[in-house]
Amino acid sequence: MYIQLKQILTTKFQLDADEIEPTSTLEDLQLDSLDLVELALVIEKEFGARVSDDELADTQQLEAIVGLVEARSAKV
């Protein structure tokens, strides 16, 4: 799922794939609050997992976001 999230970040948010690591934070990637709202919507559409932008902001690190999405996807 990390690879899929990385692909979303590179295609939808025009981020450099070389700068995206599992330990990257949303701040490292310079994603603002509007980006988080969009990311939450994309996650719901792509993975069927409902995650709020506030949860993304609280989670911060990509590997933790992947864990959150996987946990939510398993419940569906």
Protein backbone atom coordinates (compact mmCIF):
# COMPACT_ATOMS: atom_id res chain seq x y z
CA MET A 1 0.00 0.00 0.00
CA TYR A 2 2.96 2.34 0.57
CA ILE A 3 3.87 2.06 -3.12
CA GLN A 4 0.31 2.99 -4.11
CA LEU A 5 0.31 5.97 -1.74
CA LYS A 6 3.68 7.09 -3.10
CA GLN A 7 2.31 6.87 -6.63
CA ILE A 8 -0.69 9.01 -5.63
CA LEU A 9 1.61 11.61 -4.11
CA THR A 10 3.75 11.77 -7.23
CA THR A 11 0.90 11.89 -9.74
CA LYS A 12 -1.80 13.92 -7.97
CA PHE A 13 0.44 16.21 -5.91
CA GLN A 14 3.41 16.44 -8.32
CA LEU A 15 5.92 15.40 -5.65
CA ASP A 16 9.35 14.04 -6.54
CA ALA A 17 9.35 10.26 -5.99
CA ASP A 18 12.98 10.39 -4.79
CA GLU A 19 11.95 12.64 -1.88
CA ILE A 20 9.18 10.32 -0.66
CA GLU A 21 10.25 7.81 1.98
CA PRO A 22 8.21 5.78 4.51
CA THR A 23 9.61 8.03 7.23
CA SER A 24 8.73 11.25 5.37
CA THR A 25 6.31 13.52 7.18
CA LEU A 26 3.59 15.56 5.56
CA GLU A 27 5.59 18.62 6.57
CA ASP A 28 8.68 17.21 4.81
CA LEU A 29 6.57 16.86 1.67
CA GLN A 30 5.19 20.39 2.13
CA LEU A 31 1.56 19.30 2.05
CA ASP A 32 -0.74 21.99 3.42
CA SER A 33 -4.20 21.64 4.94
CA LEU A 34 -5.94 21.81 1.55
CA ASP A 35 -3.67 19.07 0.26
CA LEU A 36 -4.65 16.93 3.27
CA VAL A 37 -8.35 17.35 2.47
CA GLU A 38 -7.67 16.25 -1.10
CA LEU A 39 -5.47 13.36 0.07
CA ALA A 40 -8.21 12.16 2.42
CA LEU A 41 -10.68 12.13 -0.49
CA VAL A 42 -8.24 10.29 -2.75
CA ILE A 43 -7.54 7.69 -0.04
CA GLU A 44 -11.25 7.06 0.36
CA LYS A 45 -11.73 6.73 -3.39
CA GLU A 46 -8.66 4.57 -4.07
CA PHE A 47 -8.58 2.39 -0.96
CA GLY A 48 -12.16 2.57 0.32
CA ALA A 49 -10.88 3.76 3.69
CA ARG A 50 -12.42 6.81 5.31
CA VAL A 51 -9.71 8.92 6.91
CA SER A 52 -10.22 12.55 7.83
CA ASP A 53 -7.78 15.32 7.03
CA ASP A 54 -7.44 15.92 10.79
CA GLU A 55 -6.35 12.30 11.27
CA LEU A 56 -3.80 12.71 8.50
CA ALA A 57 -2.47 15.87 10.13
CA ASP A 58 -2.22 14.10 13.50
CA THR A 59 -0.57 11.02 12.00
CA GLN A 60 2.05 12.91 9.93
CA GLN A 61 4.49 10.12 8.93
CA LEU A 62 3.72 8.19 5.73
CA GLU A 63 4.32 4.76 7.23
CA ALA A 64 1.84 5.60 10.02
CA ILE A 65 -0.69 6.84 7.44
CA VAL A 66 -0.29 3.56 5.55
CA GLY A 67 -0.97 1.67 8.79
CA LEU A 68 -4.07 3.77 9.45
CA VAL A 69 -5.40 3.22 5.93
CA GLU A 70 -4.70 -0.52 6.11
CA ALA A 71 -6.54 -0.75 9.43
CA ARG A 72 -9.52 1.14 8.04
CA SER A 73 -9.54 -0.88 4.84
CA ALA A 74 -9.62 -4.13 6.80
CA LYS A 75 -12.81 -3.05 8.57
CA VAL A 76 -14.68 -2.50 5.33
